[in-house]
Amino acid sequence: MHSRPDQPANAHLPALSVLVSTDPVLRDTTAASLTLTSPGAVVVRHDLLPDDDALRRVVVDATGVVEDVTVELEHACVSCSVREDAVPTLARLAESGRWTDLVLALPVTAEPLPVARALATYTARGEILESLRFTATTAVVDLDRVESDLLGDDLVDERGLALTEDDERPLGEALAAQLEQVDVVVTTGDDPTGAGLVDRLRAGDSQRIDGVHELDVAQLAARSHDTVAAEGRAHPLGARRGRQAATDPQDRSWSLLLKSRRPFHPERLLEQIEHLGTGPVRSRGVFHVPDRPDSVCLWDGAGGALCVADLGTWQEVAGNRPPVTRILVVGAGDPDESRMVRDRILDAFGEALTTGAEVDDGGLRWLGSRDVLEPWLGARTA
């Protein structure tokens, strides 16, 4: 079978895509819609059962439920479920020749990138899923709930959406990761602020489709998942202002890019961190400090919580690009309220940065000083 010049050489192979959501009803509704509108589509739905160290696998197509089984896992986690169950299941379904489009619906709140990495590997030539072509990752979200879910302080376990017994992620963290990483965002609802937040967070090369009924497997099959682009979206250095449509006067969302070549002053960062990194915002990026001159430090905040960590050296993590302090902040609120939040963040950012005089010696003044960030960043290596 010959492919058109604008198609990849493997365009004739059955398509494989991934579906994620933080809402179980939306995930299942979207999965059902895909099968009902295409007789050649089959959905493999995974749900983790952490109390039983097991996974429930439901396979559905236009005819109804094809399989509904519970599988014991050595470890009840998303990566394990993909390795131990999803990959052999997808291989078996592809070998049957019964379907042209396969969709893997991940457990609710699961992050898409680790699974996408695995599937990109397994669909390579010579691997177990080489008879499939990996086309797209898709997230489905309700615009009417984005603001409260993204910027609120609910935890996934409080919503009954935890993936493991000790899963205490903010729901906003799970939602943000999905929106930022996927190829396609499908929306329901019509809240302008929810739409604004989605557009500010989703990748610039992603596609937004409004309405579950507007999505079909042919649209997913026409795509080709770009692993390099996917890694770039998830990288904290890749945090970019998303595509922003024409401003809706009822859209209360906003974004703020904080950027400086100067590092944070370790002590002043701790003094300002509550003003800078907590509250109803999504913030993501990197920073550096003079007493760890070679370290890229992660900044990742959502749901009122903030995570900082040492990611490694600039050469390892960032291709040896010059160190930078760069954080993208996204939020929403009434004009006066939003202005106050942004002013607070800008003031805290300015206070936390070092001055030119403090770094003009290349950081020598910090040699031998106590590392006040060690409880969060770990022991420094040099």
Protein backbone atom coordinates (compact mmCIF):
# COMPACT_ATOMS: atom_id res chain seq x y z
CA MET A 1 0.00 0.00 0.00
CA HIS A 2 1.50 3.37 -1.05
CA SER A 3 1.23 6.47 1.12
CA ARG A 4 0.65 9.98 -0.20
CA PRO A 5 3.75 12.24 -0.32
CA ASP A 6 2.42 14.26 2.65
CA GLN A 7 1.84 11.18 4.78
CA PRO A 8 4.39 9.26 6.86
CA ALA A 9 5.52 5.94 5.45
CA ASN A 10 3.59 4.07 8.16
CA ALA A 11 0.30 5.90 7.53
CA HIS A 12 -1.38 2.62 6.59
CA LEU A 13 -0.85 1.18 10.09
CA PRO A 14 -3.62 1.29 12.71
CA ALA A 15 -3.49 4.48 14.80
CA LEU A 16 -2.77 4.54 18.52
CA SER A 17 -3.65 7.52 20.70
CA VAL A 18 -3.80 8.31 24.43
CA LEU A 19 -6.72 9.93 26.28
CA VAL A 20 -6.43 11.63 29.68
CA SER A 21 -8.69 13.65 31.95
CA THR A 22 -9.10 14.65 35.58
CA ASP A 23 -12.83 13.89 35.32
CA PRO A 24 -13.93 10.24 35.11
CA VAL A 25 -17.28 11.13 33.52
CA LEU A 26 -15.62 13.23 30.82
CA ARG A 27 -13.05 10.55 30.11
CA ASP A 28 -15.67 7.84 29.72
CA THR A 29 -18.04 10.06 27.74
CA THR A 30 -15.27 10.93 25.30
CA ALA A 31 -14.24 7.30 24.98
CA ALA A 32 -17.83 6.28 24.26
CA SER A 33 -18.21 9.05 21.70
CA LEU A 34 -15.10 7.91 19.84
CA THR A 35 -16.36 4.34 19.57
CA LEU A 36 -19.93 5.27 18.65
CA THR A 37 -18.82 7.53 15.81
CA SER A 38 -16.35 5.04 14.36
CA PRO A 39 -16.97 1.30 14.02
CA GLY A 40 -13.23 0.77 13.61
CA ALA A 41 -12.31 2.30 16.97
CA VAL A 42 -11.59 0.44 20.19
CA VAL A 43 -10.83 1.96 23.60
CA VAL A 44 -8.71 0.29 26.26
CA ARG A 45 -9.66 1.92 29.57
CA HIS A 46 -7.46 1.51 32.63
CA ASP A 47 -8.44 2.20 36.23
CA LEU A 48 -6.05 1.54 39.09
CA LEU A 49 -7.31 -0.16 42.25
CA PRO A 50 -4.58 0.81 44.74
CA ASP A 51 -6.20 -0.95 47.70
CA ASP A 52 -5.94 -4.24 45.82
CA ASP A 53 -2.66 -3.63 43.95
CA ALA A 54 -4.69 -4.29 40.84
CA LEU A 55 -5.93 -2.74 37.66
CA ARG A 56 -9.28 -2.92 35.94
CA ARG A 57 -9.11 -3.13 32.16
CA VAL A 58 -12.24 -2.46 30.12
CA VAL A 59 -12.08 -2.80 26.34
CA VAL A 60 -14.98 -1.17 24.49
CA ASP A 61 -15.92 -0.69 20.84
CA ALA A 62 -19.09 0.21 18.92
CA THR A 63 -20.61 -3.19 19.75
CA GLY A 64 -20.22 -2.71 23.52
CA VAL A 65 -17.89 -4.17 26.14
CA VAL A 66 -15.38 -6.54 24.60
CA GLU A 67 -13.42 -7.26 27.81
CA ASP A 68 -13.82 -6.36 31.47
CA VAL A 69 -11.13 -7.91 33.65
CA THR A 70 -9.21 -7.16 36.82
CA VAL A 71 -5.47 -7.78 36.68
CA GLU A 72 -3.10 -8.04 39.63
CA LEU A 73 -0.05 -5.81 39.39
CA GLU A 74 3.29 -6.08 41.15
CA HIS A 75 3.02 -2.35 41.79
CA ALA A 76 -0.18 -0.34 41.35
CA CYS A 77 1.16 2.59 39.35
CA VAL A 78 0.54 3.99 35.88
CA SER A 79 3.99 3.07 34.54
CA CYS A 80 3.58 -0.49 35.76
CA SER A 81 0.11 -0.79 34.27
CA VAL A 82 1.39 0.29 30.88
CA ARG A 83 4.34 -2.07 30.96
CA GLU A 84 2.52 -5.05 32.42
CA ASP A 85 -0.94 -4.76 30.86
CA ALA A 86 -1.51 -2.03 28.30
CA VAL A 87 1.35 -2.90 25.96
CA PRO A 88 0.53 -6.63 25.61
CA THR A 89 -3.18 -5.83 25.40
CA LEU A 90 -2.65 -3.28 22.63
CA ALA A 91 -0.38 -5.71 20.79
CA ARG A 92 -3.02 -8.43 21.00
CA LEU A 93 -5.81 -6.13 19.80
CA ALA A 94 -3.68 -4.86 16.92
CA GLU A 95 -2.79 -8.41 15.87
CA SER A 96 -6.47 -9.31 15.62
CA GLY A 97 -6.87 -6.90 12.70
CA ARG A 98 -10.37 -6.05 13.90
CA TRP A 99 -9.84 -2.33 14.54
CA THR A 100 -8.24 0.58 12.68
CA ASP A 101 -7.94 2.97 15.64
CA LEU A 102 -6.87 2.10 19.18
CA VAL A 103 -7.26 4.53 22.09
CA LEU A 104 -5.62 4.02 25.49
CA ALA A 105 -7.66 5.84 28.17
CA LEU A 106 -5.40 6.31 31.18
CA PRO A 107 -6.50 6.28 34.82
CA VAL A 108 -8.09 9.60 35.77
CA THR A 109 -5.53 12.31 36.77
CA ALA A 110 -2.64 10.37 35.19
CA GLU A 111 0.14 12.41 33.58
CA PRO A 112 0.40 11.69 29.85
CA LEU A 113 4.14 12.15 29.27
CA PRO A 114 5.55 9.00 30.94
CA VAL A 115 3.06 6.84 29.02
CA ALA A 116 3.79 8.69 25.79
CA ARG A 117 7.49 8.01 26.27
CA ALA A 118 6.83 4.31 26.71
CA LEU A 119 4.50 4.05 23.73
CA ALA A 120 6.93 5.95 21.50
CA THR A 121 9.54 3.32 22.40
CA TYR A 122 7.25 0.30 21.98
CA THR A 123 5.90 1.47 18.59
CA ALA A 124 9.41 1.77 17.12
CA ARG A 125 10.57 -0.66 14.48
CA GLY A 126 11.34 -4.08 15.93
CA GLU A 127 9.36 -3.47 19.14
CA ILE A 128 6.19 -5.21 20.32
CA LEU A 129 3.87 -2.44 19.04
CA GLU A 130 5.62 -1.84 15.72
CA SER A 131 2.35 -2.64 13.90
CA LEU A 132 0.83 0.55 15.35
CA ARG A 133 1.66 4.22 14.78
CA PHE A 134 1.52 6.56 17.74
CA THR A 135 -0.52 9.60 16.66
CA ALA A 136 -1.59 11.84 19.54
CA THR A 137 -2.14 12.49 23.22
CA THR A 138 -5.49 14.08 24.06
CA ALA A 139 -6.89 15.72 27.20
CA VAL A 140 -10.58 16.46 27.76
CA VAL A 141 -11.57 19.20 30.20
CA ASP A 142 -14.69 21.04 31.37
CA LEU A 143 -14.21 24.79 30.94
CA ASP A 144 -16.83 25.48 33.59
CA ARG A 145 -14.63 23.76 36.20
CA VAL A 146 -11.13 24.67 35.05
CA GLU A 147 -10.75 27.73 37.28
CA SER A 148 -11.79 25.96 40.49
CA ASP A 149 -9.94 22.72 39.68
CA LEU A 150 -6.74 24.40 38.51
CA LEU A 151 -6.47 27.20 41.05
CA GLY A 152 -8.26 25.63 44.03
CA ASP A 153 -6.53 23.69 46.80
CA ASP A 154 -8.35 20.34 46.53
CA LEU A 155 -6.14 17.24 46.57
CA VAL A 156 -6.75 14.29 44.28
CA ASP A 157 -7.40 11.97 47.20
CA GLU A 158 -10.07 14.37 48.52
CA ARG A 159 -11.86 13.96 45.20
CA GLY A 160 -11.45 10.17 45.21
CA LEU A 161 -9.06 10.42 42.25
CA ALA A 162 -5.78 9.29 43.82
CA LEU A 163 -3.67 6.89 41.76
CA THR A 164 -1.96 5.34 44.78
CA GLU A 165 -2.63 5.14 48.50
CA ASP A 166 -0.14 7.95 49.16
CA ASP A 167 -1.11 10.17 46.22
CA GLU A 168 -1.56 13.65 47.70
CA ARG A 169 -1.07 15.76 44.58
CA PRO A 170 -3.11 18.94 44.24
CA LEU A 171 -5.80 18.44 41.62
CA GLY A 172 -4.50 21.59 39.93
CA GLU A 173 -1.10 19.96 39.49
CA ALA A 174 -2.64 16.98 37.71
CA LEU A 175 -4.82 19.18 35.49
CA ALA A 176 -1.98 21.54 34.60
CA ALA A 177 0.31 18.68 33.59
CA GLN A 178 -2.32 17.28 31.24
CA LEU A 179 -3.09 20.64 29.62
CA GLU A 180 0.58 21.53 29.20
CA GLN A 181 1.74 18.22 27.76
CA VAL A 182 -0.87 16.95 25.30
CA ASP A 183 -1.16 17.35 21.52
CA VAL A 184 -4.92 17.97 21.57
CA VAL A 185 -7.18 19.60 24.18
CA VAL A 186 -10.90 18.85 23.90
CA THR A 187 -13.25 21.10 25.85
CA THR A 188 -16.82 21.07 27.11
CA GLY A 189 -18.61 23.97 28.77
CA ASP A 190 -18.40 27.62 27.79
CA ASP A 191 -16.86 29.58 30.67
CA PRO A 192 -14.66 32.35 29.16
CA THR A 193 -12.19 32.30 32.05
CA GLY A 194 -11.83 28.53 31.82
CA ALA A 195 -11.18 28.91 28.11
CA GLY A 196 -8.60 31.62 28.79
CA LEU A 197 -6.78 29.47 31.34
CA VAL A 198 -6.70 26.52 28.95
CA ASP A 199 -5.25 28.64 26.16
CA ARG A 200 -2.65 30.17 28.48
CA LEU A 201 -1.47 26.72 29.62
CA ARG A 202 -1.71 24.51 26.54
CA ALA A 203 1.31 24.22 24.29
CA GLY A 204 1.65 26.61 21.38
CA ASP A 205 1.77 23.69 18.94
CA SER A 206 -1.28 21.96 20.42
CA GLN A 207 -4.78 21.90 18.95
CA ARG A 208 -7.96 22.87 20.80
CA ILE A 209 -11.27 21.27 19.82
CA ASP A 210 -14.46 22.63 21.41
CA GLY A 211 -17.03 19.92 22.03
CA VAL A 212 -16.57 16.20 22.60
CA HIS A 213 -18.88 15.57 19.65
CA GLU A 214 -16.41 17.45 17.40
CA LEU A 215 -13.65 14.92 18.08
CA ASP A 216 -13.33 11.72 16.08
CA VAL A 217 -10.60 9.15 15.62
CA ALA A 218 -9.92 10.34 12.07
CA GLN A 219 -8.64 13.65 13.47
CA LEU A 220 -6.32 11.81 15.83
CA ALA A 221 -5.20 9.39 13.14
CA ALA A 222 -4.22 12.31 10.90
CA ARG A 223 -1.63 13.44 13.46
CA SER A 224 1.80 12.08 14.31
CA HIS A 225 3.03 12.35 17.90
CA ASP A 226 6.29 14.30 18.11
CA THR A 227 8.29 12.96 21.05
CA VAL A 228 10.83 15.81 20.96
CA ALA A 229 8.07 18.42 21.05
CA ALA A 230 6.32 16.56 23.88
CA GLU A 231 9.48 16.54 25.99
CA GLY A 232 9.94 20.25 25.34
CA ARG A 233 6.43 21.06 26.53
CA ALA A 234 6.98 19.27 29.82
CA HIS A 235 10.41 20.73 30.46
CA PRO A 236 10.29 23.62 32.96
CA LEU A 237 12.48 25.64 30.61
CA GLY A 238 9.75 25.17 28.00
CA ALA A 239 7.08 27.06 29.95
CA ARG A 240 5.72 29.53 27.42
CA ARG A 241 2.77 31.86 27.24
CA GLY A 242 0.15 29.77 25.46
CA ARG A 243 -1.87 30.80 22.46
CA GLN A 244 -4.31 33.46 23.52
CA ALA A 245 -7.39 33.96 21.38
CA ALA A 246 -9.10 37.32 20.90
CA THR A 247 -9.76 38.71 24.36
CA ASP A 248 -13.23 37.99 25.71
CA PRO A 249 -14.33 40.79 28.06
CA GLN A 250 -15.61 38.13 30.47
CA ASP A 251 -12.28 36.26 30.49
CA ARG A 252 -10.70 36.92 33.90
CA SER A 253 -7.52 34.91 33.27
CA TRP A 254 -4.05 36.46 33.18
CA SER A 255 -0.41 35.45 32.86
CA LEU A 256 2.82 36.96 34.09
CA LEU A 257 6.36 36.09 32.94
CA LEU A 258 9.08 36.62 35.53
CA LYS A 259 12.56 36.60 34.02
CA SER A 260 16.05 37.65 35.05
CA ARG A 261 19.62 36.57 34.42
CA ARG A 262 20.29 37.13 38.11
CA PRO A 263 19.89 34.29 40.61
CA PHE A 264 17.65 34.30 43.66
CA HIS A 265 19.26 35.25 46.95
CA PRO A 266 18.80 32.04 49.01
CA GLU A 267 17.77 33.72 52.26
CA ARG A 268 15.53 36.31 50.64
CA LEU A 269 13.92 33.64 48.48
CA LEU A 270 12.79 31.87 51.65
CA GLU A 271 11.49 35.16 53.02
CA GLN A 272 9.47 35.87 49.87
CA ILE A 273 8.49 32.36 48.80
CA GLU A 274 4.98 32.52 50.28
CA HIS A 275 4.22 35.73 48.39
CA LEU A 276 5.91 34.46 45.25
CA GLY A 277 4.83 30.86 44.96
CA THR A 278 1.62 30.13 46.84
CA GLY A 279 -2.00 31.05 46.39
CA PRO A 280 -4.47 30.47 43.53
CA VAL A 281 -1.94 30.41 40.67
CA ARG A 282 -0.18 27.96 38.41
CA SER A 283 3.56 28.72 38.24
CA ARG A 284 6.28 26.82 36.42
CA GLY A 285 9.89 27.42 35.47
CA VAL A 286 13.48 27.34 36.68
CA PHE A 287 15.75 29.38 38.89
CA HIS A 288 19.32 29.38 40.13
CA VAL A 289 21.09 30.46 43.29
CA PRO A 290 24.70 31.67 43.70
CA ASP A 291 25.69 28.97 46.20
CA ARG A 292 24.77 26.30 43.59
CA PRO A 293 26.17 27.97 40.47
CA ASP A 294 25.94 24.87 38.27
CA SER A 295 22.44 23.73 39.32
CA VAL A 296 19.15 24.09 37.46
CA CYS A 297 16.47 24.39 40.12
CA LEU A 298 12.86 23.46 39.38
CA TRP A 299 9.94 25.72 40.25
CA ASP A 300 6.54 24.01 40.02
CA GLY A 301 3.46 25.36 41.78
CA ALA A 302 -0.25 24.56 41.61
CA GLY A 303 -3.21 24.16 43.95
CA GLY A 304 -1.62 26.31 46.63
CA ALA A 305 1.44 24.04 46.82
CA LEU A 306 4.97 24.65 45.54
CA CYS A 307 7.68 22.15 44.64
CA VAL A 308 11.33 23.13 44.24
CA ALA A 309 14.08 20.67 43.40
CA ASP A 310 17.62 20.39 42.01
CA LEU A 311 17.32 19.01 38.47
CA GLY A 312 21.05 18.70 37.72
CA THR A 313 23.63 20.86 36.00
CA TRP A 314 22.86 23.42 33.33
CA GLN A 315 24.98 21.43 30.90
CA GLU A 316 23.03 18.22 31.57
CA VAL A 317 19.57 19.73 31.73
CA ALA A 318 19.72 22.79 29.52
CA GLY A 319 22.42 22.11 26.95
CA ASN A 320 24.82 24.37 28.80
CA ARG A 321 22.71 27.47 28.07
CA PRO A 322 23.38 30.45 30.37
CA PRO A 323 21.64 30.21 33.76
CA VAL A 324 18.37 32.10 34.00
CA THR A 325 15.62 32.66 36.53
CA ARG A 326 12.41 32.27 34.54
CA ILE A 327 8.92 31.53 35.91
CA LEU A 328 5.58 31.69 34.13
CA VAL A 329 2.63 32.45 36.40
CA VAL A 330 -1.01 31.96 35.34
CA GLY A 331 -4.03 32.97 37.39
CA ALA A 332 -7.54 34.39 37.26
CA GLY A 333 -9.66 36.87 39.16
CA ASP A 334 -11.49 40.16 39.04
CA PRO A 335 -9.38 43.07 37.71
CA ASP A 336 -8.60 44.69 41.06
CA GLU A 337 -7.93 41.35 42.74
CA SER A 338 -5.71 40.17 39.87
CA ARG A 339 -3.75 43.42 39.89
CA MET A 340 -3.05 43.02 43.59
CA VAL A 341 -1.88 39.42 43.10
CA ARG A 342 0.39 40.35 40.20
CA ASP A 343 1.84 43.32 42.08
CA ARG A 344 2.50 41.09 45.10
CA ILE A 345 4.29 38.54 42.92
CA LEU A 346 6.33 41.18 41.08
CA ASP A 347 7.39 42.81 44.36
CA ALA A 348 8.36 39.44 45.84
CA PHE A 349 10.29 38.50 42.69
CA GLY A 350 12.28 41.72 42.79
CA GLU A 351 13.01 41.32 46.51
CA ALA A 352 14.13 37.70 46.10
CA LEU A 353 16.63 38.39 43.31
CA THR A 354 20.25 39.14 44.09
CA THR A 355 21.60 42.60 43.40
CA GLY A 356 24.39 43.27 40.95
CA ALA A 357 26.75 43.99 43.82
CA GLU A 358 25.94 40.64 45.44
CA VAL A 359 26.97 38.63 42.40
CA ASP A 360 29.70 40.77 40.84
CA ASP A 361 32.33 38.52 42.47
CA GLY A 362 30.89 35.43 40.76
CA GLY A 363 29.36 34.11 43.98
CA LEU A 364 32.56 33.92 46.02
CA ARG A 365 30.84 35.45 49.03
CA TRP A 366 28.70 32.30 49.34
CA LEU A 367 31.64 29.90 49.48
CA GLY A 368 31.45 27.98 52.74
CA SER A 369 28.11 29.51 53.68
CA ARG A 370 25.28 27.46 55.15
CA ASP A 371 22.97 26.12 52.45
CA VAL A 372 19.55 27.27 53.64
CA LEU A 373 17.83 25.56 50.69
CA GLU A 374 19.26 22.12 51.41
CA PRO A 375 16.01 20.81 53.03
CA TRP A 376 14.25 21.33 49.69
CA LEU A 377 17.02 20.98 47.09
CA GLY A 378 19.08 18.27 48.79
CA ALA A 379 22.77 18.40 49.61
CA ARG A 380 24.79 20.37 47.11
CA THR A 381 27.55 18.42 45.40
CA ALA A 382 30.08 21.21 45.00
